[in-house]
PDB file of N, CA and C in Angstrom:
ATOM      1  N   MET A   1      44.895 -17.067 -27.747  1.00  0.00           N
ATOM      2  CA  MET A   1      43.721 -16.800 -27.283  1.00  0.00           C
ATOM      3  C   MET A   1      43.801 -15.095 -27.022  1.00  0.00           C
ATOM      4  N   PRO A   2      42.891 -14.339 -27.446  1.00  0.00           N
ATOM      5  CA  PRO A   2      43.183 -12.894 -27.231  1.00  0.00           C
ATOM      6  C   PRO A   2      42.648 -12.669 -25.885  1.00  0.00           C
ATOM      7  N   GLN A   3      43.226 -11.855 -25.133  1.00  0.00           N
ATOM      8  CA  GLN A   3      42.959 -11.155 -23.803  1.00  0.00           C
ATOM      9  C   GLN A   3      41.611 -10.122 -23.929  1.00  0.00           C
ATOM     10  N   LEU A   4      40.943 -10.305 -22.909  1.00  0.00           N
ATOM     11  CA  LEU A   4      39.573  -9.547 -22.751  1.00  0.00           C
ATOM     12  C   LEU A   4      39.725  -8.025 -22.375  1.00  0.00           C
ATOM     13  N   ASP A   5      39.796  -6.918 -23.051  1.00  0.00           N
ATOM     14  CA  ASP A   5      40.206  -5.874 -22.538  1.00  0.00           C
ATOM     15  C   ASP A   5      39.367  -5.042 -21.576  1.00  0.00           C
ATOM     16  N   THR A   6      39.757  -5.064 -20.275  1.00  0.00           N
ATOM     17  CA  THR A   6      38.887  -4.552 -19.424  1.00  0.00           C
ATOM     18  C   THR A   6      39.115  -3.056 -18.738  1.00  0.00           C
ATOM     19  N   SER A   7      39.648  -2.385 -19.729  1.00  0.00           N
ATOM     20  CA  SER A   7      40.284  -0.927 -19.191  1.00  0.00           C
ATOM     21  C   SER A   7      39.159   0.064 -19.197  1.00  0.00           C
ATOM     22  N   THR A   8      37.984  -0.449 -20.174  1.00  0.00           N
ATOM     23  CA  THR A   8      36.800   0.674 -20.035  1.00  0.00           C
ATOM     24  C   THR A   8      35.691   0.369 -19.502  1.00  0.00           C
ATOM     25  N   TRP A   9      35.758  -0.701 -18.501  1.00  0.00           N
ATOM     26  CA  TRP A   9      34.590  -1.505 -17.770  1.00  0.00           C
ATOM     27  C   TRP A   9      34.522  -0.324 -16.770  1.00  0.00           C
ATOM     28  N   LEU A  10      35.367   0.493 -16.039  1.00  0.00           N
ATOM     29  CA  LEU A  10      35.095   1.419 -14.967  1.00  0.00           C
ATOM     30  C   LEU A  10      34.317   2.443 -15.518  1.00  0.00           C
ATOM     31  N   THR A  11      34.702   2.924 -16.825  1.00  0.00           N
ATOM     32  CA  THR A  11      34.098   4.087 -17.321  1.00  0.00           C
ATOM     33  C   THR A  11      32.521   3.633 -17.486  1.00  0.00           C
ATOM     34  N   VAL A  12      32.185   2.629 -17.985  1.00  0.00           N
ATOM     35  CA  VAL A  12      31.041   1.865 -18.502  1.00  0.00           C
ATOM     36  C   VAL A  12      30.076   2.042 -17.178  1.00  0.00           C
ATOM     37  N   ILE A  13      30.588   1.387 -16.067  1.00  0.00           N
ATOM     38  CA  ILE A  13      30.088   1.226 -14.783  1.00  0.00           C
ATOM     39  C   ILE A  13      29.450   2.324 -14.264  1.00  0.00           C
ATOM     40  N   LEU A  14      30.569   3.270 -14.036  1.00  0.00           N
ATOM     41  CA  LEU A  14      30.211   4.698 -13.709  1.00  0.00           C
ATOM     42  C   LEU A  14      29.051   5.521 -14.339  1.00  0.00           C
ATOM     43  N   SER A  15      29.181   5.474 -15.479  1.00  0.00           N
ATOM     44  CA  SER A  15      28.489   6.135 -16.352  1.00  0.00           C
ATOM     45  C   SER A  15      27.008   5.555 -16.288  1.00  0.00           C
ATOM     46  N   MET A  16      26.977   4.199 -16.385  1.00  0.00           N
ATOM     47  CA  MET A  16      25.381   3.405 -15.864  1.00  0.00           C
ATOM     48  C   MET A  16      24.837   4.134 -15.036  1.00  0.00           C
ATOM     49  N   PHE A  17      25.643   4.001 -13.778  1.00  0.00           N
ATOM     50  CA  PHE A  17      25.293   4.318 -12.481  1.00  0.00           C
ATOM     51  C   PHE A  17      24.520   5.938 -12.448  1.00  0.00           C
ATOM     52  N   LEU A  18      25.483   6.558 -13.213  1.00  0.00           N
ATOM     53  CA  LEU A  18      25.135   8.274 -13.442  1.00  0.00           C
ATOM     54  C   LEU A  18      23.939   8.329 -14.089  1.00  0.00           C
ATOM     55  N   ALA A  19      23.449   7.443 -14.970  1.00  0.00           N
ATOM     56  CA  ALA A  19      22.503   7.546 -16.111  1.00  0.00           C
ATOM     57  C   ALA A  19      21.377   6.860 -15.475  1.00  0.00           C
ATOM     58  N   LEU A  20      21.695   6.045 -14.828  1.00  0.00           N
ATOM     59  CA  LEU A  20      20.314   5.722 -13.893  1.00  0.00           C
ATOM     60  C   LEU A  20      19.938   6.553 -12.789  1.00  0.00           C
ATOM     61  N   PHE A  21      21.008   6.982 -12.040  1.00  0.00           N
ATOM     62  CA  PHE A  21      20.680   8.030 -11.118  1.00  0.00           C
ATOM     63  C   PHE A  21      19.398   9.156 -11.812  1.00  0.00           C
ATOM     64  N   ILE A  22      20.316   9.830 -12.912  1.00  0.00           N
ATOM     65  CA  ILE A  22      19.434  10.866 -13.384  1.00  0.00           C
ATOM     66  C   ILE A  22      18.100  10.436 -13.961  1.00  0.00           C
ATOM     67  N   VAL A  23      17.963   9.089 -14.480  1.00  0.00           N
ATOM     68  CA  VAL A  23      16.500   8.871 -14.777  1.00  0.00           C
ATOM     69  C   VAL A  23      15.547   8.502 -13.690  1.00  0.00           C
ATOM     70  N   PHE A  24      16.116   7.856 -12.607  1.00  0.00           N
ATOM     71  CA  PHE A  24      15.587   7.725 -11.359  1.00  0.00           C
ATOM     72  C   PHE A  24      14.861   9.479 -10.947  1.00  0.00           C
ATOM     73  N   GLN A  25      15.826  10.214 -10.574  1.00  0.00           N
ATOM     74  CA  GLN A  25      15.851  11.572 -10.533  1.00  0.00           C
ATOM     75  C   GLN A  25      14.541  12.196 -11.104  1.00  0.00           C
ATOM     76  N   LEU A  26      14.622  11.757 -12.311  1.00  0.00           N
ATOM     77  CA  LEU A  26      13.523  12.618 -13.147  1.00  0.00           C
ATOM     78  C   LEU A  26      12.012  12.182 -13.086  1.00  0.00           C
ATOM     79  N   LYS A  27      12.052  10.500 -12.786  1.00  0.00           N
ATOM     80  CA  LYS A  27      10.917   9.855 -12.469  1.00  0.00           C
ATOM     81  C   LYS A  27      10.273  10.602 -11.194  1.00  0.00           C
ATOM     82  N   ILE A  28      11.097  10.588 -10.180  1.00  0.00           N
ATOM     83  CA  ILE A  28      10.396  10.766  -8.889  1.00  0.00           C
ATOM     84  C   ILE A  28      10.028  12.337  -8.712  1.00  0.00           C
ATOM     85  N   SER A  29      10.895  13.143  -9.994  1.00  0.00           N
ATOM     86  CA  SER A  29      10.400  14.510  -9.503  1.00  0.00           C
ATOM     87  C   SER A  29       9.292  15.042 -10.283  1.00  0.00           C
ATOM     88  N   LYS A  30       8.487  13.874 -11.060  1.00  0.00           N
ATOM     89  CA  LYS A  30       7.428  14.253 -11.666  1.00  0.00           C
ATOM     90  C   LYS A  30       6.121  13.642 -10.614  1.00  0.00           C
ATOM     91  N   HIS A  31       6.329  13.459  -9.284  1.00  0.00           N
ATOM     92  CA  HIS A  31       5.400  12.812  -8.267  1.00  0.00           C
ATOM     93  C   HIS A  31       5.067  14.020  -7.714  1.00  0.00           C
ATOM     94  N   ASN A  32       3.403  14.345  -7.593  1.00  0.00           N
ATOM     95  CA  ASN A  32       3.470  15.221  -6.496  1.00  0.00           C
ATOM     96  C   ASN A  32       3.271  14.806  -5.234  1.00  0.00           C
ATOM     97  N   LEU A  33       3.744  15.372  -4.138  1.00  0.00           N
ATOM     98  CA  LEU A  33       3.995  14.802  -2.930  1.00  0.00           C
ATOM     99  C   LEU A  33       3.348  15.800  -2.202  1.00  0.00           C
ATOM    100  N   TYR A  34       2.463  15.725  -1.067  1.00  0.00           N
ATOM    101  CA  TYR A  34       1.918  16.178  -0.173  1.00  0.00           C
ATOM    102  C   TYR A  34       2.455  16.601   0.833  1.00  0.00           C
ATOM    103  N   HIS A  35       2.822  18.052   1.217  1.00  0.00           N
ATOM    104  CA  HIS A  35       3.803  17.901   2.606  1.00  0.00           C
ATOM    105  C   HIS A  35       3.021  17.807   3.880  1.00  0.00           C
ATOM    106  N   ASN A  36       2.129  18.465   3.882  1.00  0.00           N
ATOM    107  CA  ASN A  36       1.386  18.198   5.456  1.00  0.00           C
ATOM    108  C   ASN A  36       0.045  17.790   4.758  1.00  0.00           C
ATOM    109  N   PRO A  37      -0.086  16.340   4.859  1.00  0.00           N
ATOM    110  CA  PRO A  37      -1.297  15.922   4.713  1.00  0.00           C
ATOM    111  C   PRO A  37      -2.443  15.957   5.986  1.00  0.00           C
ATOM    112  N   GLU A  38      -3.656  16.458   5.356  1.00  0.00           N
ATOM    113  CA  GLU A  38      -4.438  16.752   6.281  1.00  0.00           C
ATOM    114  C   GLU A  38      -5.663  15.275   6.862  1.00  0.00           C
ATOM    115  N   LEU A  39      -5.621  15.523   8.261  1.00  0.00           N
ATOM    116  CA  LEU A  39      -6.252  13.784   8.447  1.00  0.00           C
ATOM    117  C   LEU A  39      -7.934  14.542   8.405  1.00  0.00           C
ATOM    118  N   THR A  40      -8.589  13.243   8.138  1.00  0.00           N
ATOM    119  CA  THR A  40      -9.792  13.419   7.381  1.00  0.00           C
ATOM    120  C   THR A  40     -10.439  12.321   8.691  1.00  0.00           C
ATOM    121  N   THR A  41     -11.446  12.912   9.128  1.00  0.00           N
ATOM    122  CA  THR A  41     -12.251  12.151  10.210  1.00  0.00           C
ATOM    123  C   THR A  41     -13.577  11.200   9.203  1.00  0.00           C
ATOM    124  N   THR A  42     -13.159   9.871   9.605  1.00  0.00           N
ATOM    125  CA  THR A  42     -14.109   9.087   8.996  1.00  0.00           C
ATOM    126  C   THR A  42     -15.220   8.639  10.073  1.00  0.00           C
ATOM    127  N   GLU A  43     -16.241   8.866   9.589  1.00  0.00           N
ATOM    128  CA  GLU A  43     -17.610   8.608  10.195  1.00  0.00           C
ATOM    129  C   GLU A  43     -18.028   7.242  10.110  1.00  0.00           C
ATOM    130  N   MET A  44     -18.244   6.318  11.018  1.00  0.00           N
ATOM    131  CA  MET A  44     -18.511   4.979  10.597  1.00  0.00           C
ATOM    132  C   MET A  44     -20.654   5.085  10.716  1.00  0.00           C
ATOM    133  N   SER A  45     -21.095   4.725   9.590  1.00  0.00           N
ATOM    134  CA  SER A  45     -22.494   4.741   9.605  1.00  0.00           C
ATOM    135  C   SER A  45     -22.675   3.437  10.297  1.00  0.00           C
ATOM    136  N   LYS A  46     -23.918   3.024  10.997  1.00  0.00           N
ATOM    137  CA  LYS A  46     -24.330   2.004  11.713  1.00  0.00           C
ATOM    138  C   LYS A  46     -25.052   1.647  10.968  1.00  0.00           C
ATOM    139  N   GLN A  47     -24.930   0.089  10.356  1.00  0.00           N
ATOM    140  CA  GLN A  47     -25.872  -0.668   9.612  1.00  0.00           C
ATOM    141  C   GLN A  47     -26.572  -1.612  10.354  1.00  0.00           C
ATOM    142  N   ASN A  48     -27.892  -1.479  10.402  1.00  0.00           N
ATOM    143  CA  ASN A  48     -28.970  -2.625  10.793  1.00  0.00           C
ATOM    144  C   ASN A  48     -28.826  -3.711  10.562  1.00  0.00           C
ATOM    145  N   ALA A  49     -29.069  -4.637  11.140  1.00  0.00           N
ATOM    146  CA  ALA A  49     -28.912  -5.845  10.717  1.00  0.00           C
ATOM    147  C   ALA A  49     -30.409  -6.433  10.806  1.00  0.00           C
ATOM    148  N   PRO A  50     -30.677  -7.318   9.693  1.00  0.00           N
ATOM    149  CA  PRO A  50     -32.221  -7.266   9.679  1.00  0.00           C
ATOM    150  C   PRO A  50     -33.002  -7.936  11.121  1.00  0.00           C
ATOM    151  N   TRP A  51     -32.083  -8.658  11.667  1.00  0.00           N
ATOM    152  CA  TRP A  51     -32.718  -9.280  13.035  1.00  0.00           C
ATOM    153  C   TRP A  51     -32.507  -8.300  14.476  1.00  0.00           C
ATOM    154  N   GLU A  52     -31.935  -7.441  13.822  1.00  0.00           N
ATOM    155  CA  GLU A  52     -32.245  -6.109  14.961  1.00  0.00           C
ATOM    156  C   GLU A  52     -33.247  -4.963  14.739  1.00  0.00           C
ATOM    157  N   THR A  53     -33.930  -5.441  13.736  1.00  0.00           N
ATOM    158  CA  THR A  53     -35.269  -4.246  13.888  1.00  0.00           C
ATOM    159  C   THR A  53     -36.117  -5.056  14.544  1.00  0.00           C
ATOM    160  N   LYS A  54     -36.144  -6.753  14.293  1.00  0.00           N
ATOM    161  CA  LYS A  54     -37.311  -7.245  15.185  1.00  0.00           C
ATOM    162  C   LYS A  54     -37.073  -7.669  16.393  1.00  0.00           C
ATOM    163  N   TRP A  55     -38.020  -7.985  17.044  1.00  0.00           N
ATOM    164  CA  TRP A  55     -38.018  -8.296  18.789  1.00  0.00           C
ATOM    165  C   TRP A  55     -38.287  -9.811  18.216  1.00  0.00           C
ATOM    166  N   THR A  56     -37.175 -10.428  18.844  1.00  0.00           N
ATOM    167  CA  THR A  56     -37.289 -12.076  18.675  1.00  0.00           C
ATOM    168  C   THR A  56     -36.891 -12.773  20.035  1.00  0.00           C
ATOM    169  N   LYS A  57     -37.567 -13.879  20.380  1.00  0.00           N
ATOM    170  CA  LYS A  57     -37.225 -14.546  21.701  1.00  0.00           C
ATOM    171  C   LYS A  57     -36.611 -15.506  21.865  1.00  0.00           C
ATOM    172  N   ILE A  58     -35.649 -15.834  22.165  1.00  0.00           N
ATOM    173  CA  ILE A  58     -34.873 -17.102  21.977  1.00  0.00           C
ATOM    174  C   ILE A  58     -35.390 -17.962  23.385  1.00  0.00           C
ATOM    175  N   TYR A  59     -36.035 -19.325  22.920  1.00  0.00           N
ATOM    176  CA  TYR A  59     -36.131 -20.215  23.937  1.00  0.00           C
ATOM    177  C   TYR A  59     -34.955 -21.221  24.199  1.00  0.00           C
ATOM    178  N   LEU A  60     -34.344 -21.246  25.310  1.00  0.00           N
ATOM    179  CA  LEU A  60     -33.435 -22.052  25.649  1.00  0.00           C
ATOM    180  C   LEU A  60     -34.077 -23.408  25.939  1.00  0.00           C
ATOM    181  N   PRO A  61     -33.421 -24.723  25.752  1.00  0.00           N
ATOM    182  CA  PRO A  61     -34.148 -25.676  26.123  1.00  0.00           C
ATOM    183  C   PRO A  61     -34.356 -26.204  27.576  1.00  0.00           C
ATOM    184  N   LEU A  62     -33.593 -25.488  28.277  1.00  0.00           N
ATOM    185  CA  LEU A  62     -33.462 -25.656  29.820  1.00  0.00           C
ATOM    186  C   LEU A  62     -34.823 -24.976  30.432  1.00  0.00           C
ATOM    187  N   SER A  63     -35.139 -23.809  29.708  1.00  0.00           N
ATOM    188  CA  SER A  63     -36.059 -22.821  29.961  1.00  0.00           C
ATOM    189  C   SER A  63     -37.475 -23.543  29.796  1.00  0.00           C
ATOM    190  N   LEU A  64     -37.618 -24.344  28.964  1.00  0.00           N
ATOM    191  CA  LEU A  64     -39.085 -24.985  28.544  1.00  0.00           C
ATOM    192  C   LEU A  64     -39.760 -25.293  29.705  1.00  0.00           C
ATOM    193  N   PRO A  65     -41.269 -25.182  29.424  1.00  0.00           N
ATOM    194  CA  PRO A  65     -41.826 -25.753  30.770  1.00  0.00           C
ATOM    195  C   PRO A  65     -42.264 -27.192  30.901  1.00  0.00           C
ATOM    196  N   LEU A  66     -41.839 -27.781  31.761  1.00  0.00           N
ATOM    197  CA  LEU A  66     -42.383 -29.279  32.145  1.00  0.00           C
ATOM    198  C   LEU A  66     -43.513 -29.960  31.374  1.00  0.00           C
TER     199      LEU A  66
END
């Protein structure tokens, strides 16, 4: 049975890591990153519910006349 030649494995693995590193660096360098992002204030607008515009009286069972 022939032996597996592993003498080139180190070269292949190192060149693969180098190629992956270069590819990822090129992909990352295409992104625009903001160095000092500005804080924006978000103002919450109050939304009125339909029951807030009407006057309603809640009658509790204990407060009913006898």
